[in-house]
């Protein structure tokens, strides 16, 4: 076999591995962004349930036992 053909084959294999890694990395980033969006939505829902609490609730807490 010609060395240039072997070199081209190895270069193509390396390129395919790099593309596979990049695709996996982007998929991980998309999953992470989705998780962050869900976390922010849950925090907003929790905040909305506390919005109707009277002012001063929870500010004077006696922790002595």
PDB file of N, CA and C in Angstrom:
ATOM      1  N   UNK A   1       0.834  -1.181   0.000  1.00  0.00           N
ATOM      2  CA  UNK A   1       0.000   0.000   0.000  1.00  0.00           C
ATOM      3  C   UNK A   1       0.875   1.240   0.000  1.00  0.00           C
ATOM      4  N   UNK A   2       0.377   2.238  -0.614  1.00  0.00           N
ATOM      5  CA  UNK A   2       1.082   3.518  -0.678  1.00  0.00           C
ATOM      6  C   UNK A   2       0.966   4.230   0.674  1.00  0.00           C
ATOM      7  N   UNK A   3       2.044   4.863   1.120  1.00  0.00           N
ATOM      8  CA  UNK A   3       2.013   5.526   2.432  1.00  0.00           C
ATOM      9  C   UNK A   3       1.037   6.705   2.452  1.00  0.00           C
ATOM     10  N   UNK A   4       0.832   7.363   1.318  1.00  0.00           N
ATOM     11  CA  UNK A   4      -0.107   8.479   1.293  1.00  0.00           C
ATOM     12  C   UNK A   4      -1.542   7.983   1.480  1.00  0.00           C
ATOM     13  N   UNK A   5      -1.836   6.788   0.975  1.00  0.00           N
ATOM     14  CA  UNK A   5      -3.160   6.201   1.153  1.00  0.00           C
ATOM     15  C   UNK A   5      -3.384   5.830   2.621  1.00  0.00           C
ATOM     16  N   UNK A   6      -2.371   5.275   3.249  1.00  0.00           N
ATOM     17  CA  UNK A   6      -2.463   4.928   4.669  1.00  0.00           C
ATOM     18  C   UNK A   6      -2.628   6.199   5.505  1.00  0.00           C
ATOM     19  N   UNK A   7      -1.853   7.209   5.159  1.00  0.00           N
ATOM     20  CA  UNK A   7      -1.935   8.478   5.875  1.00  0.00           C
ATOM     21  C   UNK A   7      -3.326   9.100   5.732  1.00  0.00           C
ATOM     22  N   UNK A   8      -3.896   9.043   4.537  1.00  0.00           N
ATOM     23  CA  UNK A   8      -5.243   9.577   4.311  1.00  0.00           C
ATOM     24  C   UNK A   8      -6.280   8.801   5.106  1.00  0.00           C
ATOM     25  N   UNK A   9      -6.139   7.497   5.153  1.00  0.00           N
ATOM     26  CA  UNK A   9      -7.071   6.659   5.914  1.00  0.00           C
ATOM     27  C   UNK A   9      -7.008   6.993   7.404  1.00  0.00           C
ATOM     28  N   UNK A  10      -5.792   7.110   7.941  1.00  0.00           N
ATOM     29  CA  UNK A  10      -5.645   7.446   9.356  1.00  0.00           C
ATOM     30  C   UNK A  10      -6.180   8.840   9.662  1.00  0.00           C
ATOM     31  N   UNK A  11      -5.985   9.775   8.748  1.00  0.00           N
ATOM     32  CA  UNK A  11      -6.522  11.120   8.920  1.00  0.00           C
ATOM     33  C   UNK A  11      -8.044  11.115   8.926  1.00  0.00           C
ATOM     34  N   UNK A  12      -8.633  10.307   8.056  1.00  0.00           N
ATOM     35  CA  UNK A  12     -10.091  10.203   8.013  1.00  0.00           C
ATOM     36  C   UNK A  12     -10.625   9.585   9.303  1.00  0.00           C
ATOM     37  N   UNK A  13      -9.954   8.575   9.809  1.00  0.00           N
ATOM     38  CA  UNK A  13     -10.376   7.935  11.055  1.00  0.00           C
ATOM     39  C   UNK A  13     -10.298   8.930  12.219  1.00  0.00           C
ATOM     40  N   UNK A  14      -9.237   9.699  12.268  1.00  0.00           N
ATOM     41  CA  UNK A  14      -9.078  10.701  13.317  1.00  0.00           C
ATOM     42  C   UNK A  14     -10.173  11.751  13.216  1.00  0.00           C
ATOM     43  N   UNK A  15     -10.487  12.178  12.010  1.00  0.00           N
ATOM     44  CA  UNK A  15     -11.558  13.150  11.798  1.00  0.00           C
ATOM     45  C   UNK A  15     -12.906  12.619  12.248  1.00  0.00           C
ATOM     46  N   UNK A  16     -13.172  11.350  11.978  1.00  0.00           N
ATOM     47  CA  UNK A  16     -14.434  10.746  12.394  1.00  0.00           C
ATOM     48  C   UNK A  16     -14.524  10.693  13.917  1.00  0.00           C
ATOM     49  N   UNK A  17     -13.419  10.370  14.583  1.00  0.00           N
ATOM     50  CA  UNK A  17     -13.405  10.343  16.046  1.00  0.00           C
ATOM     51  C   UNK A  17     -13.647  11.738  16.615  1.00  0.00           C
ATOM     52  N   UNK A  18     -13.045  12.741  16.006  1.00  0.00           N
ATOM     53  CA  UNK A  18     -13.229  14.110  16.480  1.00  0.00           C
ATOM     54  C   UNK A  18     -14.678  14.546  16.314  1.00  0.00           C
ATOM     55  N   UNK A  19     -15.298  14.196  15.199  1.00  0.00           N
ATOM     56  CA  UNK A  19     -16.704  14.543  14.977  1.00  0.00           C
ATOM     57  C   UNK A  19     -17.607  13.836  15.979  1.00  0.00           C
ATOM     58  N   UNK A  20     -17.327  12.576  16.264  1.00  0.00           N
ATOM     59  CA  UNK A  20     -18.125  11.828  17.238  1.00  0.00           C
ATOM     60  C   UNK A  20     -17.997  12.456  18.626  1.00  0.00           C
ATOM     61  N   UNK A  21     -16.793  12.840  18.996  1.00  0.00           N
ATOM     62  CA  UNK A  21     -16.577  13.490  20.292  1.00  0.00           C
ATOM     63  C   UNK A  21     -17.296  14.828  20.357  1.00  0.00           C
ATOM     64  N   UNK A  22     -17.217  15.605  19.298  1.00  0.00           N
ATOM     65  CA  UNK A  22     -17.888  16.917  19.269  1.00  0.00           C
ATOM     66  C   UNK A  22     -19.398  16.753  19.372  1.00  0.00           C
ATOM     67  N   UNK A  23     -19.956  15.766  18.696  1.00  0.00           N
ATOM     68  CA  UNK A  23     -21.398  15.531  18.769  1.00  0.00           C
ATOM     69  C   UNK A  23     -21.810  15.136  20.178  1.00  0.00           C
ATOM     70  N   UNK A  24     -21.026  14.280  20.804  1.00  0.00           N
ATOM     71  CA  UNK A  24     -21.342  13.857  22.176  1.00  0.00           C
ATOM     72  C   UNK A  24     -21.245  15.031  23.138  1.00  0.00           C
ATOM     73  N   UNK A  25     -20.234  15.852  22.970  1.00  0.00           N
ATOM     74  CA  UNK A  25     -20.040  17.029  23.823  1.00  0.00           C
ATOM     75  C   UNK A  25     -21.208  17.998  23.670  1.00  0.00           C
ATOM     76  N   UNK A  26     -21.650  18.242  22.458  1.00  0.00           N
ATOM     77  CA  UNK A  26     -22.780  19.144  22.226  1.00  0.00           C
ATOM     78  C   UNK A  26     -24.066  18.571  22.817  1.00  0.00           C
ATOM     79  N   UNK A  27     -24.246  17.283  22.734  1.00  0.00           N
ATOM     80  CA  UNK A  27     -25.426  16.645  23.321  1.00  0.00           C
ATOM     81  C   UNK A  27     -25.411  16.822  24.843  1.00  0.00           C
ATOM     82  N   UNK A  28     -24.240  16.696  25.462  1.00  0.00           N
ATOM     83  CA  UNK A  28     -24.111  16.899  26.900  1.00  0.00           C
ATOM     84  C   UNK A  28     -24.437  18.338  27.270  1.00  0.00           C
ATOM     85  N   UNK A  29     -23.975  19.295  26.465  1.00  0.00           N
ATOM     86  CA  UNK A  29     -24.263  20.697  26.735  1.00  0.00           C
ATOM     87  C   UNK A  29     -25.751  20.980  26.617  1.00  0.00           C
ATOM     88  N   UNK A  30     -26.408  20.384  25.636  1.00  0.00           N
ATOM     89  CA  UNK A  30     -27.848  20.578  25.469  1.00  0.00           C
ATOM     90  C   UNK A  30     -28.607  19.988  26.644  1.00  0.00           C
ATOM     91  N   UNK A  31     -28.193  18.817  27.121  1.00  0.00           N
ATOM     92  CA  UNK A  31     -28.836  18.204  28.277  1.00  0.00           C
ATOM     93  C   UNK A  31     -28.644  19.069  29.521  1.00  0.00           C
ATOM     94  N   UNK A  32     -27.466  19.630  29.663  1.00  0.00           N
ATOM     95  CA  UNK A  32     -27.184  20.475  30.817  1.00  0.00           C
ATOM     96  C   UNK A  32     -28.027  21.747  30.766  1.00  0.00           C
ATOM     97  N   UNK A  33     -28.164  22.347  29.601  1.00  0.00           N
ATOM     98  CA  UNK A  33     -28.983  23.552  29.467  1.00  0.00           C
ATOM     99  C   UNK A  33     -30.436  23.246  29.796  1.00  0.00           C
ATOM    100  N   UNK A  34     -30.899  22.093  29.387  1.00  0.00           N
ATOM    101  CA  UNK A  34     -32.269  21.688  29.700  1.00  0.00           C
ATOM    102  C   UNK A  34     -32.448  21.521  31.205  1.00  0.00           C
ATOM    103  N   UNK A  35     -31.477  20.938  31.869  1.00  0.00           N
ATOM    104  CA  UNK A  35     -31.550  20.753  33.321  1.00  0.00           C
ATOM    105  C   UNK A  35     -31.555  22.094  34.046  1.00  0.00           C
ATOM    106  N   UNK A  36     -30.770  23.032  33.582  1.00  0.00           N
ATOM    107  CA  UNK A  36     -30.735  24.357  34.200  1.00  0.00           C
ATOM    108  C   UNK A  36     -32.080  25.050  34.025  1.00  0.00           C
ATOM    109  N   UNK A  37     -32.669  24.926  32.848  1.00  0.00           N
ATOM    110  CA  UNK A  37     -33.975  25.532  32.604  1.00  0.00           C
ATOM    111  C   UNK A  37     -35.033  24.927  33.525  1.00  0.00           C
ATOM    112  N   UNK A  38     -34.987  23.620  33.736  1.00  0.00           N
ATOM    113  CA  UNK A  38     -35.940  22.965  34.642  1.00  0.00           C
ATOM    114  C   UNK A  38     -35.728  23.434  36.078  1.00  0.00           C
ATOM    115  N   UNK A  39     -34.476  23.602  36.484  1.00  0.00           N
ATOM    116  CA  UNK A  39     -34.174  24.059  37.835  1.00  0.00           C
ATOM    117  C   UNK A  39     -34.694  25.475  38.056  1.00  0.00           C
ATOM    118  N   UNK A  40     -34.495  26.340  37.086  1.00  0.00           N
ATOM    119  CA  UNK A  40     -34.980  27.717  37.196  1.00  0.00           C
ATOM    120  C   UNK A  40     -36.504  27.742  37.253  1.00  0.00           C
ATOM    121  N   UNK A  41     -37.152  26.909  36.462  1.00  0.00           N
ATOM    122  CA  UNK A  41     -38.615  26.833  36.479  1.00  0.00           C
ATOM    123  C   UNK A  41     -39.115  26.365  37.845  1.00  0.00           C
ATOM    124  N   UNK A  42     -38.473  25.362  38.423  1.00  0.00           N
ATOM    125  CA  UNK A  42     -38.868  24.868  39.744  1.00  0.00           C
ATOM    126  C   UNK A  42     -38.658  25.942  40.807  1.00  0.00           C
ATOM    127  N   UNK A  43     -37.566  26.680  40.725  1.00  0.00           N
ATOM    128  CA  UNK A  43     -37.313  27.750  41.687  1.00  0.00           C
ATOM    129  C   UNK A  43     -38.372  28.840  41.562  1.00  0.00           C
ATOM    130  N   UNK A  44     -38.768  29.155  40.343  1.00  0.00           N
ATOM    131  CA  UNK A  44     -39.804  30.165  40.123  1.00  0.00           C
ATOM    132  C   UNK A  44     -41.140  29.702  40.713  1.00  0.00           C
ATOM    133  N   UNK A  45     -41.470  28.443  40.558  1.00  0.00           N
ATOM    134  CA  UNK A  45     -42.713  27.914  41.121  1.00  0.00           C
ATOM    135  C   UNK A  45     -42.680  27.974  42.648  1.00  0.00           C
ATOM    136  N   UNK A  46     -41.536  27.641  43.255  1.00  0.00           N
ATOM    137  CA  UNK A  46     -41.407  27.728  44.710  1.00  0.00           C
ATOM    138  C   UNK A  46     -41.520  29.164  45.183  1.00  0.00           C
ATOM    139  N   UNK A  47     -40.930  30.071  44.450  1.00  0.00           N
ATOM    140  CA  UNK A  47     -40.996  31.488  44.808  1.00  0.00           C
ATOM    141  C   UNK A  47     -42.431  31.995  44.718  1.00  0.00           C
ATOM    142  N   UNK A  48     -43.162  31.558  43.710  1.00  0.00           N
ATOM    143  CA  UNK A  48     -44.547  31.985  43.557  1.00  0.00           C
ATOM    144  C   UNK A  48     -45.409  31.519  44.719  1.00  0.00           C
ATOM    145  N   UNK A  49     -45.134  30.348  45.259  1.00  0.00           N
ATOM    146  CA  UNK A  49     -45.920  29.860  46.394  1.00  0.00           C
ATOM    147  C   UNK A  49     -45.603  30.646  47.666  1.00  0.00           C
ATOM    148  N   UNK A  50     -44.429  31.237  47.744  1.00  0.00           N
ATOM    149  CA  UNK A  50     -44.054  32.040  48.911  1.00  0.00           C
ATOM    150  C   UNK A  50     -44.416  33.512  48.762  1.00  0.00           C
ATOM    151  N   UNK A  51     -44.852  33.916  47.598  1.00  0.00           N
ATOM    152  CA  UNK A  51     -45.154  35.328  47.358  1.00  0.00           C
ATOM    153  C   UNK A  51     -46.338  35.803  48.186  1.00  0.00           C
ATOM    154  N   UNK A  52     -47.242  34.906  48.556  1.00  0.00           N
ATOM    155  CA  UNK A  52     -48.431  35.291  49.317  1.00  0.00           C
ATOM    156  C   UNK A  52     -48.229  35.249  50.826  1.00  0.00           C
ATOM    157  N   UNK A  53     -47.046  34.907  51.296  1.00  0.00           N
ATOM    158  CA  UNK A  53     -46.762  34.836  52.726  1.00  0.00           C
ATOM    159  C   UNK A  53     -46.656  36.265  53.260  1.00  0.00           C
ATOM    160  N   UNK A  54     -47.194  36.476  54.456  1.00  0.00           N
ATOM    161  CA  UNK A  54     -47.169  37.807  55.054  1.00  0.00           C
ATOM    162  C   UNK A  54     -45.732  38.265  55.301  1.00  0.00           C
ATOM    163  N   UNK A  55     -45.544  39.568  55.289  1.00  0.00           N
ATOM    164  CA  UNK A  55     -44.218  40.137  55.517  1.00  0.00           C
ATOM    165  C   UNK A  55     -43.756  39.815  56.930  1.00  0.00           C
ATOM    166  N   UNK A  56     -42.496  39.498  57.103  1.00  0.00           N
ATOM    167  CA  UNK A  56     -41.926  39.236  58.412  1.00  0.00           C
ATOM    168  C   UNK A  56     -41.970  37.785  58.838  1.00  0.00           C
ATOM    169  N   UNK A  57     -42.649  36.938  58.098  1.00  0.00           N
ATOM    170  CA  UNK A  57     -42.716  35.524  58.452  1.00  0.00           C
ATOM    171  C   UNK A  57     -41.327  34.913  58.289  1.00  0.00           C
ATOM    172  N   UNK A  58     -40.848  34.277  59.346  1.00  0.00           N
ATOM    173  CA  UNK A  58     -39.556  33.599  59.285  1.00  0.00           C
ATOM    174  C   UNK A  58     -38.379  34.475  59.613  1.00  0.00           C
ATOM    175  N   UNK A  59     -38.604  35.755  59.930  1.00  0.00           N
ATOM    176  CA  UNK A  59     -37.463  36.621  60.223  1.00  0.00           C
ATOM    177  C   UNK A  59     -36.998  36.506  61.664  1.00  0.00           C
ATOM    178  N   UNK A  60     -37.920  36.224  62.601  1.00  0.00           N
ATOM    179  CA  UNK A  60     -37.564  36.097  64.013  1.00  0.00           C
ATOM    180  C   UNK A  60     -37.690  34.657  64.426  1.00  0.00           C
ATOM    181  N   UNK A  61     -36.609  33.934  64.315  1.00  0.00           N
ATOM    182  CA  UNK A  61     -36.629  32.503  64.615  1.00  0.00           C
ATOM    183  C   UNK A  61     -35.826  32.257  65.886  1.00  0.00           C
ATOM    184  N   UNK A  62     -36.456  31.644  66.872  1.00  0.00           N
ATOM    185  CA  UNK A  62     -35.784  31.331  68.127  1.00  0.00           C
ATOM    186  C   UNK A  62     -35.278  29.897  68.023  1.00  0.00           C
ATOM    187  N   UNK A  63     -33.968  29.720  68.012  1.00  0.00           N
ATOM    188  CA  UNK A  63     -33.384  28.407  67.844  1.00  0.00           C
ATOM    189  C   UNK A  63     -32.852  27.832  69.153  1.00  0.00           C
ATOM    190  N   UNK A  64     -33.067  28.538  70.271  1.00  0.00           N
ATOM    191  CA  UNK A  64     -32.590  27.999  71.538  1.00  0.00           C
ATOM    192  C   UNK A  64     -33.492  26.846  71.987  1.00  0.00           C
ATOM    193  N   UNK A  65     -32.886  25.828  72.518  1.00  0.00           N
ATOM    194  CA  UNK A  65     -33.686  24.665  72.893  1.00  0.00           C
ATOM    195  C   UNK A  65     -33.653  24.416  74.368  1.00  0.00           C
TER     196      UNK A  65
END
